Amino acid sequence: VNGVLVREMTAEDVDTVARILPFD
C-alpha cells in the first residue's frame, strides 16, 4: 500500500519498533 509492505506485527518486530518509536 502506497509503496510499502503492510503486515501484522510479530514478536520479532517488537524490539525494533520499541527502539525506533518517537519519544512523544
PDBML (XML) file of the C-alpha atoms, coordinates in Angstrom:
<?xml version="1.0" encoding="UTF-8" ?>
<PDBx:datablock datablockName="MODEL"
   xmlns:PDBx="http://pdbml.pdb.org/schema/pdbx-v50.xsd"
   xmlns:xsi="http://www.w3.org/2001/XMLSchema-instance"
   xsi:schemaLocation="http://pdbml.pdb.org/schema/pdbx-v50.xsd pdbx-v50.xsd">
   <PDBx:atom_siteCategory>
      <PDBx:atom_site id="1">
         <PDBx:B_iso_or_equiv>0.00</PDBx:B_iso_or_equiv>
         <PDBx:Cartn_x>0.000</PDBx:Cartn_x>
         <PDBx:Cartn_y>0.000</PDBx:Cartn_y>
         <PDBx:Cartn_z>0.000</PDBx:Cartn_z>
         <PDBx:auth_asym_id>A</PDBx:auth_asym_id>
         <PDBx:auth_atom_id>CA</PDBx:auth_atom_id>
         <PDBx:auth_comp_id>VAL</PDBx:auth_comp_id>
         <PDBx:auth_seq_id>1</PDBx:auth_seq_id>
         <PDBx:group_PDB>ATOM</PDBx:group_PDB>
         <PDBx:label_alt_id xsi:nil="true" />
         <PDBx:label_asym_id>A</PDBx:label_asym_id>
         <PDBx:label_atom_id>CA</PDBx:label_atom_id>
         <PDBx:label_comp_id>VAL</PDBx:label_comp_id>
         <PDBx:label_entity_id>1</PDBx:label_entity_id>
         <PDBx:label_seq_id>1</PDBx:label_seq_id>
         <PDBx:occupancy>1.00</PDBx:occupancy>
         <PDBx:pdbx_PDB_model_num>1</PDBx:pdbx_PDB_model_num>
         <PDBx:type_symbol>C</PDBx:type_symbol>
      </PDBx:atom_site>
      <PDBx:atom_site id="2">
         <PDBx:B_iso_or_equiv>0.00</PDBx:B_iso_or_equiv>
         <PDBx:Cartn_x>1.500</PDBx:Cartn_x>
         <PDBx:Cartn_y>3.351</PDBx:Cartn_y>
         <PDBx:Cartn_z>-1.040</PDBx:Cartn_z>
         <PDBx:auth_asym_id>A</PDBx:auth_asym_id>
         <PDBx:auth_atom_id>CA</PDBx:auth_atom_id>
         <PDBx:auth_comp_id>ASN</PDBx:auth_comp_id>
         <PDBx:auth_seq_id>2</PDBx:auth_seq_id>
         <PDBx:group_PDB>ATOM</PDBx:group_PDB>
         <PDBx:label_alt_id xsi:nil="true" />
         <PDBx:label_asym_id>A</PDBx:label_asym_id>
         <PDBx:label_atom_id>CA</PDBx:label_atom_id>
         <PDBx:label_comp_id>ASN</PDBx:label_comp_id>
         <PDBx:label_entity_id>1</PDBx:label_entity_id>
         <PDBx:label_seq_id>2</PDBx:label_seq_id>
         <PDBx:occupancy>1.00</PDBx:occupancy>
         <PDBx:pdbx_PDB_model_num>1</PDBx:pdbx_PDB_model_num>
         <PDBx:type_symbol>C</PDBx:type_symbol>
      </PDBx:atom_site>
      <PDBx:atom_site id="3">
         <PDBx:B_iso_or_equiv>0.00</PDBx:B_iso_or_equiv>
         <PDBx:Cartn_x>4.735</PDBx:Cartn_x>
         <PDBx:Cartn_y>1.601</PDBx:Cartn_y>
         <PDBx:Cartn_z>-1.950</PDBx:Cartn_z>
         <PDBx:auth_asym_id>A</PDBx:auth_asym_id>
         <PDBx:auth_atom_id>CA</PDBx:auth_atom_id>
         <PDBx:auth_comp_id>GLY</PDBx:auth_comp_id>
         <PDBx:auth_seq_id>3</PDBx:auth_seq_id>
         <PDBx:group_PDB>ATOM</PDBx:group_PDB>
         <PDBx:label_alt_id xsi:nil="true" />
         <PDBx:label_asym_id>A</PDBx:label_asym_id>
         <PDBx:label_atom_id>CA</PDBx:label_atom_id>
         <PDBx:label_comp_id>GLY</PDBx:label_comp_id>
         <PDBx:label_entity_id>1</PDBx:label_entity_id>
         <PDBx:label_seq_id>3</PDBx:label_seq_id>
         <PDBx:occupancy>1.00</PDBx:occupancy>
         <PDBx:pdbx_PDB_model_num>1</PDBx:pdbx_PDB_model_num>
         <PDBx:type_symbol>C</PDBx:type_symbol>
      </PDBx:atom_site>
      <PDBx:atom_site id="4">
         <PDBx:B_iso_or_equiv>0.00</PDBx:B_iso_or_equiv>
         <PDBx:Cartn_x>5.306</PDBx:Cartn_x>
         <PDBx:Cartn_y>-0.065</PDBx:Cartn_y>
         <PDBx:Cartn_z>1.425</PDBx:Cartn_z>
         <PDBx:auth_asym_id>A</PDBx:auth_asym_id>
         <PDBx:auth_atom_id>CA</PDBx:auth_atom_id>
         <PDBx:auth_comp_id>VAL</PDBx:auth_comp_id>
         <PDBx:auth_seq_id>4</PDBx:auth_seq_id>
         <PDBx:group_PDB>ATOM</PDBx:group_PDB>
         <PDBx:label_alt_id xsi:nil="true" />
         <PDBx:label_asym_id>A</PDBx:label_asym_id>
         <PDBx:label_atom_id>CA</PDBx:label_atom_id>
         <PDBx:label_comp_id>VAL</PDBx:label_comp_id>
         <PDBx:label_entity_id>1</PDBx:label_entity_id>
         <PDBx:label_seq_id>4</PDBx:label_seq_id>
         <PDBx:occupancy>1.00</PDBx:occupancy>
         <PDBx:pdbx_PDB_model_num>1</PDBx:pdbx_PDB_model_num>
         <PDBx:type_symbol>C</PDBx:type_symbol>
      </PDBx:atom_site>
      <PDBx:atom_site id="5">
         <PDBx:B_iso_or_equiv>0.00</PDBx:B_iso_or_equiv>
         <PDBx:Cartn_x>4.518</PDBx:Cartn_x>
         <PDBx:Cartn_y>-3.569</PDBx:Cartn_y>
         <PDBx:Cartn_z>2.610</PDBx:Cartn_z>
         <PDBx:auth_asym_id>A</PDBx:auth_asym_id>
         <PDBx:auth_atom_id>CA</PDBx:auth_atom_id>
         <PDBx:auth_comp_id>LEU</PDBx:auth_comp_id>
         <PDBx:auth_seq_id>5</PDBx:auth_seq_id>
         <PDBx:group_PDB>ATOM</PDBx:group_PDB>
         <PDBx:label_alt_id xsi:nil="true" />
         <PDBx:label_asym_id>A</PDBx:label_asym_id>
         <PDBx:label_atom_id>CA</PDBx:label_atom_id>
         <PDBx:label_comp_id>LEU</PDBx:label_comp_id>
         <PDBx:label_entity_id>1</PDBx:label_entity_id>
         <PDBx:label_seq_id>5</PDBx:label_seq_id>
         <PDBx:occupancy>1.00</PDBx:occupancy>
         <PDBx:pdbx_PDB_model_num>1</PDBx:pdbx_PDB_model_num>
         <PDBx:type_symbol>C</PDBx:type_symbol>
      </PDBx:atom_site>
      <PDBx:atom_site id="6">
         <PDBx:B_iso_or_equiv>0.00</PDBx:B_iso_or_equiv>
         <PDBx:Cartn_x>1.941</PDBx:Cartn_x>
         <PDBx:Cartn_y>-3.638</PDBx:Cartn_y>
         <PDBx:Cartn_z>5.422</PDBx:Cartn_z>
         <PDBx:auth_asym_id>A</PDBx:auth_asym_id>
         <PDBx:auth_atom_id>CA</PDBx:auth_atom_id>
         <PDBx:auth_comp_id>VAL</PDBx:auth_comp_id>
         <PDBx:auth_seq_id>6</PDBx:auth_seq_id>
         <PDBx:group_PDB>ATOM</PDBx:group_PDB>
         <PDBx:label_alt_id xsi:nil="true" />
         <PDBx:label_asym_id>A</PDBx:label_asym_id>
         <PDBx:label_atom_id>CA</PDBx:label_atom_id>
         <PDBx:label_comp_id>VAL</PDBx:label_comp_id>
         <PDBx:label_entity_id>1</PDBx:label_entity_id>
         <PDBx:label_seq_id>6</PDBx:label_seq_id>
         <PDBx:occupancy>1.00</PDBx:occupancy>
         <PDBx:pdbx_PDB_model_num>1</PDBx:pdbx_PDB_model_num>
         <PDBx:type_symbol>C</PDBx:type_symbol>
      </PDBx:atom_site>
      <PDBx:atom_site id="7">
         <PDBx:B_iso_or_equiv>0.00</PDBx:B_iso_or_equiv>
         <PDBx:Cartn_x>1.670</PDBx:Cartn_x>
         <PDBx:Cartn_y>-6.760</PDBx:Cartn_y>
         <PDBx:Cartn_z>7.560</PDBx:Cartn_z>
         <PDBx:auth_asym_id>A</PDBx:auth_asym_id>
         <PDBx:auth_atom_id>CA</PDBx:auth_atom_id>
         <PDBx:auth_comp_id>ARG</PDBx:auth_comp_id>
         <PDBx:auth_seq_id>7</PDBx:auth_seq_id>
         <PDBx:group_PDB>ATOM</PDBx:group_PDB>
         <PDBx:label_alt_id xsi:nil="true" />
         <PDBx:label_asym_id>A</PDBx:label_asym_id>
         <PDBx:label_atom_id>CA</PDBx:label_atom_id>
         <PDBx:label_comp_id>ARG</PDBx:label_comp_id>
         <PDBx:label_entity_id>1</PDBx:label_entity_id>
         <PDBx:label_seq_id>7</PDBx:label_seq_id>
         <PDBx:occupancy>1.00</PDBx:occupancy>
         <PDBx:pdbx_PDB_model_num>1</PDBx:pdbx_PDB_model_num>
         <PDBx:type_symbol>C</PDBx:type_symbol>
      </PDBx:atom_site>
      <PDBx:atom_site id="8">
         <PDBx:B_iso_or_equiv>0.00</PDBx:B_iso_or_equiv>
         <PDBx:Cartn_x>0.811</PDBx:Cartn_x>
         <PDBx:Cartn_y>-7.785</PDBx:Cartn_y>
         <PDBx:Cartn_z>11.108</PDBx:Cartn_z>
         <PDBx:auth_asym_id>A</PDBx:auth_asym_id>
         <PDBx:auth_atom_id>CA</PDBx:auth_atom_id>
         <PDBx:auth_comp_id>GLU</PDBx:auth_comp_id>
         <PDBx:auth_seq_id>8</PDBx:auth_seq_id>
         <PDBx:group_PDB>ATOM</PDBx:group_PDB>
         <PDBx:label_alt_id xsi:nil="true" />
         <PDBx:label_asym_id>A</PDBx:label_asym_id>
         <PDBx:label_atom_id>CA</PDBx:label_atom_id>
         <PDBx:label_comp_id>GLU</PDBx:label_comp_id>
         <PDBx:label_entity_id>1</PDBx:label_entity_id>
         <PDBx:label_seq_id>8</PDBx:label_seq_id>
         <PDBx:occupancy>1.00</PDBx:occupancy>
         <PDBx:pdbx_PDB_model_num>1</PDBx:pdbx_PDB_model_num>
         <PDBx:type_symbol>C</PDBx:type_symbol>
      </PDBx:atom_site>
      <PDBx:atom_site id="9">
         <PDBx:B_iso_or_equiv>0.00</PDBx:B_iso_or_equiv>
         <PDBx:Cartn_x>3.411</PDBx:Cartn_x>
         <PDBx:Cartn_y>-7.130</PDBx:Cartn_y>
         <PDBx:Cartn_z>13.805</PDBx:Cartn_z>
         <PDBx:auth_asym_id>A</PDBx:auth_asym_id>
         <PDBx:auth_atom_id>CA</PDBx:auth_atom_id>
         <PDBx:auth_comp_id>MET</PDBx:auth_comp_id>
         <PDBx:auth_seq_id>9</PDBx:auth_seq_id>
         <PDBx:group_PDB>ATOM</PDBx:group_PDB>
         <PDBx:label_alt_id xsi:nil="true" />
         <PDBx:label_asym_id>A</PDBx:label_asym_id>
         <PDBx:label_atom_id>CA</PDBx:label_atom_id>
         <PDBx:label_comp_id>MET</PDBx:label_comp_id>
         <PDBx:label_entity_id>1</PDBx:label_entity_id>
         <PDBx:label_seq_id>9</PDBx:label_seq_id>
         <PDBx:occupancy>1.00</PDBx:occupancy>
         <PDBx:pdbx_PDB_model_num>1</PDBx:pdbx_PDB_model_num>
         <PDBx:type_symbol>C</PDBx:type_symbol>
      </PDBx:atom_site>
      <PDBx:atom_site id="10">
         <PDBx:B_iso_or_equiv>0.00</PDBx:B_iso_or_equiv>
         <PDBx:Cartn_x>5.241</PDBx:Cartn_x>
         <PDBx:Cartn_y>-10.219</PDBx:Cartn_y>
         <PDBx:Cartn_z>15.070</PDBx:Cartn_z>
         <PDBx:auth_asym_id>A</PDBx:auth_asym_id>
         <PDBx:auth_atom_id>CA</PDBx:auth_atom_id>
         <PDBx:auth_comp_id>THR</PDBx:auth_comp_id>
         <PDBx:auth_seq_id>10</PDBx:auth_seq_id>
         <PDBx:group_PDB>ATOM</PDBx:group_PDB>
         <PDBx:label_alt_id xsi:nil="true" />
         <PDBx:label_asym_id>A</PDBx:label_asym_id>
         <PDBx:label_atom_id>CA</PDBx:label_atom_id>
         <PDBx:label_comp_id>THR</PDBx:label_comp_id>
         <PDBx:label_entity_id>1</PDBx:label_entity_id>
         <PDBx:label_seq_id>10</PDBx:label_seq_id>
         <PDBx:occupancy>1.00</PDBx:occupancy>
         <PDBx:pdbx_PDB_model_num>1</PDBx:pdbx_PDB_model_num>
         <PDBx:type_symbol>C</PDBx:type_symbol>
      </PDBx:atom_site>
      <PDBx:atom_site id="11">
         <PDBx:B_iso_or_equiv>0.00</PDBx:B_iso_or_equiv>
         <PDBx:Cartn_x>7.170</PDBx:Cartn_x>
         <PDBx:Cartn_y>-10.894</PDBx:Cartn_y>
         <PDBx:Cartn_z>18.261</PDBx:Cartn_z>
         <PDBx:auth_asym_id>A</PDBx:auth_asym_id>
         <PDBx:auth_atom_id>CA</PDBx:auth_atom_id>
         <PDBx:auth_comp_id>ALA</PDBx:auth_comp_id>
         <PDBx:auth_seq_id>11</PDBx:auth_seq_id>
         <PDBx:group_PDB>ATOM</PDBx:group_PDB>
         <PDBx:label_alt_id xsi:nil="true" />
         <PDBx:label_asym_id>A</PDBx:label_asym_id>
         <PDBx:label_atom_id>CA</PDBx:label_atom_id>
         <PDBx:label_comp_id>ALA</PDBx:label_comp_id>
         <PDBx:label_entity_id>1</PDBx:label_entity_id>
         <PDBx:label_seq_id>11</PDBx:label_seq_id>
         <PDBx:occupancy>1.00</PDBx:occupancy>
         <PDBx:pdbx_PDB_model_num>1</PDBx:pdbx_PDB_model_num>
         <PDBx:type_symbol>C</PDBx:type_symbol>
      </PDBx:atom_site>
      <PDBx:atom_site id="12">
         <PDBx:B_iso_or_equiv>0.00</PDBx:B_iso_or_equiv>
         <PDBx:Cartn_x>10.384</PDBx:Cartn_x>
         <PDBx:Cartn_y>-10.494</PDBx:Cartn_y>
         <PDBx:Cartn_z>16.256</PDBx:Cartn_z>
         <PDBx:auth_asym_id>A</PDBx:auth_asym_id>
         <PDBx:auth_atom_id>CA</PDBx:auth_atom_id>
         <PDBx:auth_comp_id>GLU</PDBx:auth_comp_id>
         <PDBx:auth_seq_id>12</PDBx:auth_seq_id>
         <PDBx:group_PDB>ATOM</PDBx:group_PDB>
         <PDBx:label_alt_id xsi:nil="true" />
         <PDBx:label_asym_id>A</PDBx:label_asym_id>
         <PDBx:label_atom_id>CA</PDBx:label_atom_id>
         <PDBx:label_comp_id>GLU</PDBx:label_comp_id>
         <PDBx:label_entity_id>1</PDBx:label_entity_id>
         <PDBx:label_seq_id>12</PDBx:label_seq_id>
         <PDBx:occupancy>1.00</PDBx:occupancy>
         <PDBx:pdbx_PDB_model_num>1</PDBx:pdbx_PDB_model_num>
         <PDBx:type_symbol>C</PDBx:type_symbol>
      </PDBx:atom_site>
      <PDBx:atom_site id="13">
         <PDBx:B_iso_or_equiv>0.00</PDBx:B_iso_or_equiv>
         <PDBx:Cartn_x>9.340</PDBx:Cartn_x>
         <PDBx:Cartn_y>-6.923</PDBx:Cartn_y>
         <PDBx:Cartn_z>15.344</PDBx:Cartn_z>
         <PDBx:auth_asym_id>A</PDBx:auth_asym_id>
         <PDBx:auth_atom_id>CA</PDBx:auth_atom_id>
         <PDBx:auth_comp_id>ASP</PDBx:auth_comp_id>
         <PDBx:auth_seq_id>13</PDBx:auth_seq_id>
         <PDBx:group_PDB>ATOM</PDBx:group_PDB>
         <PDBx:label_alt_id xsi:nil="true" />
         <PDBx:label_asym_id>A</PDBx:label_asym_id>
         <PDBx:label_atom_id>CA</PDBx:label_atom_id>
         <PDBx:label_comp_id>ASP</PDBx:label_comp_id>
         <PDBx:label_entity_id>1</PDBx:label_entity_id>
         <PDBx:label_seq_id>13</PDBx:label_seq_id>
         <PDBx:occupancy>1.00</PDBx:occupancy>
         <PDBx:pdbx_PDB_model_num>1</PDBx:pdbx_PDB_model_num>
         <PDBx:type_symbol>C</PDBx:type_symbol>
      </PDBx:atom_site>
      <PDBx:atom_site id="14">
         <PDBx:B_iso_or_equiv>0.00</PDBx:B_iso_or_equiv>
         <PDBx:Cartn_x>8.724</PDBx:Cartn_x>
         <PDBx:Cartn_y>-5.709</PDBx:Cartn_y>
         <PDBx:Cartn_z>18.891</PDBx:Cartn_z>
         <PDBx:auth_asym_id>A</PDBx:auth_asym_id>
         <PDBx:auth_atom_id>CA</PDBx:auth_atom_id>
         <PDBx:auth_comp_id>VAL</PDBx:auth_comp_id>
         <PDBx:auth_seq_id>14</PDBx:auth_seq_id>
         <PDBx:group_PDB>ATOM</PDBx:group_PDB>
         <PDBx:label_alt_id xsi:nil="true" />
         <PDBx:label_asym_id>A</PDBx:label_asym_id>
         <PDBx:label_atom_id>CA</PDBx:label_atom_id>
         <PDBx:label_comp_id>VAL</PDBx:label_comp_id>
         <PDBx:label_entity_id>1</PDBx:label_entity_id>
         <PDBx:label_seq_id>14</PDBx:label_seq_id>
         <PDBx:occupancy>1.00</PDBx:occupancy>
         <PDBx:pdbx_PDB_model_num>1</PDBx:pdbx_PDB_model_num>
         <PDBx:type_symbol>C</PDBx:type_symbol>
      </PDBx:atom_site>
      <PDBx:atom_site id="15">
         <PDBx:B_iso_or_equiv>0.00</PDBx:B_iso_or_equiv>
         <PDBx:Cartn_x>12.299</PDBx:Cartn_x>
         <PDBx:Cartn_y>-4.795</PDBx:Cartn_y>
         <PDBx:Cartn_z>19.801</PDBx:Cartn_z>
         <PDBx:auth_asym_id>A</PDBx:auth_asym_id>
         <PDBx:auth_atom_id>CA</PDBx:auth_atom_id>
         <PDBx:auth_comp_id>ASP</PDBx:auth_comp_id>
         <PDBx:auth_seq_id>15</PDBx:auth_seq_id>
         <PDBx:group_PDB>ATOM</PDBx:group_PDB>
         <PDBx:label_alt_id xsi:nil="true" />
         <PDBx:label_asym_id>A</PDBx:label_asym_id>
         <PDBx:label_atom_id>CA</PDBx:label_atom_id>
         <PDBx:label_comp_id>ASP</PDBx:label_comp_id>
         <PDBx:label_entity_id>1</PDBx:label_entity_id>
         <PDBx:label_seq_id>15</PDBx:label_seq_id>
         <PDBx:occupancy>1.00</PDBx:occupancy>
         <PDBx:pdbx_PDB_model_num>1</PDBx:pdbx_PDB_model_num>
         <PDBx:type_symbol>C</PDBx:type_symbol>
      </PDBx:atom_site>
      <PDBx:atom_site id="16">
         <PDBx:B_iso_or_equiv>0.00</PDBx:B_iso_or_equiv>
         <PDBx:Cartn_x>12.860</PDBx:Cartn_x>
         <PDBx:Cartn_y>-2.875</PDBx:Cartn_y>
         <PDBx:Cartn_z>16.556</PDBx:Cartn_z>
         <PDBx:auth_asym_id>A</PDBx:auth_asym_id>
         <PDBx:auth_atom_id>CA</PDBx:auth_atom_id>
         <PDBx:auth_comp_id>THR</PDBx:auth_comp_id>
         <PDBx:auth_seq_id>16</PDBx:auth_seq_id>
         <PDBx:group_PDB>ATOM</PDBx:group_PDB>
         <PDBx:label_alt_id xsi:nil="true" />
         <PDBx:label_asym_id>A</PDBx:label_asym_id>
         <PDBx:label_atom_id>CA</PDBx:label_atom_id>
         <PDBx:label_comp_id>THR</PDBx:label_comp_id>
         <PDBx:label_entity_id>1</PDBx:label_entity_id>
         <PDBx:label_seq_id>16</PDBx:label_seq_id>
         <PDBx:occupancy>1.00</PDBx:occupancy>
         <PDBx:pdbx_PDB_model_num>1</PDBx:pdbx_PDB_model_num>
         <PDBx:type_symbol>C</PDBx:type_symbol>
      </PDBx:atom_site>
      <PDBx:atom_site id="17">
         <PDBx:B_iso_or_equiv>0.00</PDBx:B_iso_or_equiv>
         <PDBx:Cartn_x>9.587</PDBx:Cartn_x>
         <PDBx:Cartn_y>-0.952</PDBx:Cartn_y>
         <PDBx:Cartn_z>16.857</PDBx:Cartn_z>
         <PDBx:auth_asym_id>A</PDBx:auth_asym_id>
         <PDBx:auth_atom_id>CA</PDBx:auth_atom_id>
         <PDBx:auth_comp_id>VAL</PDBx:auth_comp_id>
         <PDBx:auth_seq_id>17</PDBx:auth_seq_id>
         <PDBx:group_PDB>ATOM</PDBx:group_PDB>
         <PDBx:label_alt_id xsi:nil="true" />
         <PDBx:label_asym_id>A</PDBx:label_asym_id>
         <PDBx:label_atom_id>CA</PDBx:label_atom_id>
         <PDBx:label_comp_id>VAL</PDBx:label_comp_id>
         <PDBx:label_entity_id>1</PDBx:label_entity_id>
         <PDBx:label_seq_id>17</PDBx:label_seq_id>
         <PDBx:occupancy>1.00</PDBx:occupancy>
         <PDBx:pdbx_PDB_model_num>1</PDBx:pdbx_PDB_model_num>
         <PDBx:type_symbol>C</PDBx:type_symbol>
      </PDBx:atom_site>
      <PDBx:atom_site id="18">
         <PDBx:B_iso_or_equiv>0.00</PDBx:B_iso_or_equiv>
         <PDBx:Cartn_x>10.272</PDBx:Cartn_x>
         <PDBx:Cartn_y>-0.141</PDBx:Cartn_y>
         <PDBx:Cartn_z>20.523</PDBx:Cartn_z>
         <PDBx:auth_asym_id>A</PDBx:auth_asym_id>
         <PDBx:auth_atom_id>CA</PDBx:auth_atom_id>
         <PDBx:auth_comp_id>ALA</PDBx:auth_comp_id>
         <PDBx:auth_seq_id>18</PDBx:auth_seq_id>
         <PDBx:group_PDB>ATOM</PDBx:group_PDB>
         <PDBx:label_alt_id xsi:nil="true" />
         <PDBx:label_asym_id>A</PDBx:label_asym_id>
         <PDBx:label_atom_id>CA</PDBx:label_atom_id>
         <PDBx:label_comp_id>ALA</PDBx:label_comp_id>
         <PDBx:label_entity_id>1</PDBx:label_entity_id>
         <PDBx:label_seq_id>18</PDBx:label_seq_id>
         <PDBx:occupancy>1.00</PDBx:occupancy>
         <PDBx:pdbx_PDB_model_num>1</PDBx:pdbx_PDB_model_num>
         <PDBx:type_symbol>C</PDBx:type_symbol>
      </PDBx:atom_site>
      <PDBx:atom_site id="19">
         <PDBx:B_iso_or_equiv>0.00</PDBx:B_iso_or_equiv>
         <PDBx:Cartn_x>13.637</PDBx:Cartn_x>
         <PDBx:Cartn_y>1.354</PDBx:Cartn_y>
         <PDBx:Cartn_z>19.590</PDBx:Cartn_z>
         <PDBx:auth_asym_id>A</PDBx:auth_asym_id>
         <PDBx:auth_atom_id>CA</PDBx:auth_atom_id>
         <PDBx:auth_comp_id>ARG</PDBx:auth_comp_id>
         <PDBx:auth_seq_id>19</PDBx:auth_seq_id>
         <PDBx:group_PDB>ATOM</PDBx:group_PDB>
         <PDBx:label_alt_id xsi:nil="true" />
         <PDBx:label_asym_id>A</PDBx:label_asym_id>
         <PDBx:label_atom_id>CA</PDBx:label_atom_id>
         <PDBx:label_comp_id>ARG</PDBx:label_comp_id>
         <PDBx:label_entity_id>1</PDBx:label_entity_id>
         <PDBx:label_seq_id>19</PDBx:label_seq_id>
         <PDBx:occupancy>1.00</PDBx:occupancy>
         <PDBx:pdbx_PDB_model_num>1</PDBx:pdbx_PDB_model_num>
         <PDBx:type_symbol>C</PDBx:type_symbol>
      </PDBx:atom_site>
      <PDBx:atom_site id="20">
         <PDBx:B_iso_or_equiv>0.00</PDBx:B_iso_or_equiv>
         <PDBx:Cartn_x>12.544</PDBx:Cartn_x>
         <PDBx:Cartn_y>3.456</PDBx:Cartn_y>
         <PDBx:Cartn_z>16.601</PDBx:Cartn_z>
         <PDBx:auth_asym_id>A</PDBx:auth_asym_id>
         <PDBx:auth_atom_id>CA</PDBx:auth_atom_id>
         <PDBx:auth_comp_id>ILE</PDBx:auth_comp_id>
         <PDBx:auth_seq_id>20</PDBx:auth_seq_id>
         <PDBx:group_PDB>ATOM</PDBx:group_PDB>
         <PDBx:label_alt_id xsi:nil="true" />
         <PDBx:label_asym_id>A</PDBx:label_asym_id>
         <PDBx:label_atom_id>CA</PDBx:label_atom_id>
         <PDBx:label_comp_id>ILE</PDBx:label_comp_id>
         <PDBx:label_entity_id>1</PDBx:label_entity_id>
         <PDBx:label_seq_id>20</PDBx:label_seq_id>
         <PDBx:occupancy>1.00</PDBx:occupancy>
         <PDBx:pdbx_PDB_model_num>1</PDBx:pdbx_PDB_model_num>
         <PDBx:type_symbol>C</PDBx:type_symbol>
      </PDBx:atom_site>
      <PDBx:atom_site id="21">
         <PDBx:B_iso_or_equiv>0.00</PDBx:B_iso_or_equiv>
         <PDBx:Cartn_x>9.323</PDBx:Cartn_x>
         <PDBx:Cartn_y>4.682</PDBx:Cartn_y>
         <PDBx:Cartn_z>18.233</PDBx:Cartn_z>
         <PDBx:auth_asym_id>A</PDBx:auth_asym_id>
         <PDBx:auth_atom_id>CA</PDBx:auth_atom_id>
         <PDBx:auth_comp_id>LEU</PDBx:auth_comp_id>
         <PDBx:auth_seq_id>21</PDBx:auth_seq_id>
         <PDBx:group_PDB>ATOM</PDBx:group_PDB>
         <PDBx:label_alt_id xsi:nil="true" />
         <PDBx:label_asym_id>A</PDBx:label_asym_id>
         <PDBx:label_atom_id>CA</PDBx:label_atom_id>
         <PDBx:label_comp_id>LEU</PDBx:label_comp_id>
         <PDBx:label_entity_id>1</PDBx:label_entity_id>
         <PDBx:label_seq_id>21</PDBx:label_seq_id>
         <PDBx:occupancy>1.00</PDBx:occupancy>
         <PDBx:pdbx_PDB_model_num>1</PDBx:pdbx_PDB_model_num>
         <PDBx:type_symbol>C</PDBx:type_symbol>
      </PDBx:atom_site>
      <PDBx:atom_site id="22">
         <PDBx:B_iso_or_equiv>0.00</PDBx:B_iso_or_equiv>
         <PDBx:Cartn_x>9.418</PDBx:Cartn_x>
         <PDBx:Cartn_y>8.506</PDBx:Cartn_y>
         <PDBx:Cartn_z>18.577</PDBx:Cartn_z>
         <PDBx:auth_asym_id>A</PDBx:auth_asym_id>
         <PDBx:auth_atom_id>CA</PDBx:auth_atom_id>
         <PDBx:auth_comp_id>PRO</PDBx:auth_comp_id>
         <PDBx:auth_seq_id>22</PDBx:auth_seq_id>
         <PDBx:group_PDB>ATOM</PDBx:group_PDB>
         <PDBx:label_alt_id xsi:nil="true" />
         <PDBx:label_asym_id>A</PDBx:label_asym_id>
         <PDBx:label_atom_id>CA</PDBx:label_atom_id>
         <PDBx:label_comp_id>PRO</PDBx:label_comp_id>
         <PDBx:label_entity_id>1</PDBx:label_entity_id>
         <PDBx:label_seq_id>22</PDBx:label_seq_id>
         <PDBx:occupancy>1.00</PDBx:occupancy>
         <PDBx:pdbx_PDB_model_num>1</PDBx:pdbx_PDB_model_num>
         <PDBx:type_symbol>C</PDBx:type_symbol>
      </PDBx:atom_site>
      <PDBx:atom_site id="23">
         <PDBx:B_iso_or_equiv>0.00</PDBx:B_iso_or_equiv>
         <PDBx:Cartn_x>9.708</PDBx:Cartn_x>
         <PDBx:Cartn_y>9.645</PDBx:Cartn_y>
         <PDBx:Cartn_z>22.174</PDBx:Cartn_z>
         <PDBx:auth_asym_id>A</PDBx:auth_asym_id>
         <PDBx:auth_atom_id>CA</PDBx:auth_atom_id>
         <PDBx:auth_comp_id>PHE</PDBx:auth_comp_id>
         <PDBx:auth_seq_id>23</PDBx:auth_seq_id>
         <PDBx:group_PDB>ATOM</PDBx:group_PDB>
         <PDBx:label_alt_id xsi:nil="true" />
         <PDBx:label_asym_id>A</PDBx:label_asym_id>
         <PDBx:label_atom_id>CA</PDBx:label_atom_id>
         <PDBx:label_comp_id>PHE</PDBx:label_comp_id>
         <PDBx:label_entity_id>1</PDBx:label_entity_id>
         <PDBx:label_seq_id>23</PDBx:label_seq_id>
         <PDBx:occupancy>1.00</PDBx:occupancy>
         <PDBx:pdbx_PDB_model_num>1</PDBx:pdbx_PDB_model_num>
         <PDBx:type_symbol>C</PDBx:type_symbol>
      </PDBx:atom_site>
      <PDBx:atom_site id="24">
         <PDBx:B_iso_or_equiv>0.00</PDBx:B_iso_or_equiv>
         <PDBx:Cartn_x>6.440</PDBx:Cartn_x>
         <PDBx:Cartn_y>11.595</PDBx:Cartn_y>
         <PDBx:Cartn_z>22.080</PDBx:Cartn_z>
         <PDBx:auth_asym_id>A</PDBx:auth_asym_id>
         <PDBx:auth_atom_id>CA</PDBx:auth_atom_id>
         <PDBx:auth_comp_id>ASP</PDBx:auth_comp_id>
         <PDBx:auth_seq_id>24</PDBx:auth_seq_id>
         <PDBx:group_PDB>ATOM</PDBx:group_PDB>
         <PDBx:label_alt_id xsi:nil="true" />
         <PDBx:label_asym_id>A</PDBx:label_asym_id>
         <PDBx:label_atom_id>CA</PDBx:label_atom_id>
         <PDBx:label_comp_id>ASP</PDBx:label_comp_id>
         <PDBx:label_entity_id>1</PDBx:label_entity_id>
         <PDBx:label_seq_id>24</PDBx:label_seq_id>
         <PDBx:occupancy>1.00</PDBx:occupancy>
         <PDBx:pdbx_PDB_model_num>1</PDBx:pdbx_PDB_model_num>
         <PDBx:type_symbol>C</PDBx:type_symbol>
      </PDBx:atom_site>
   </PDBx:atom_siteCategory>
</PDBx:datablock>
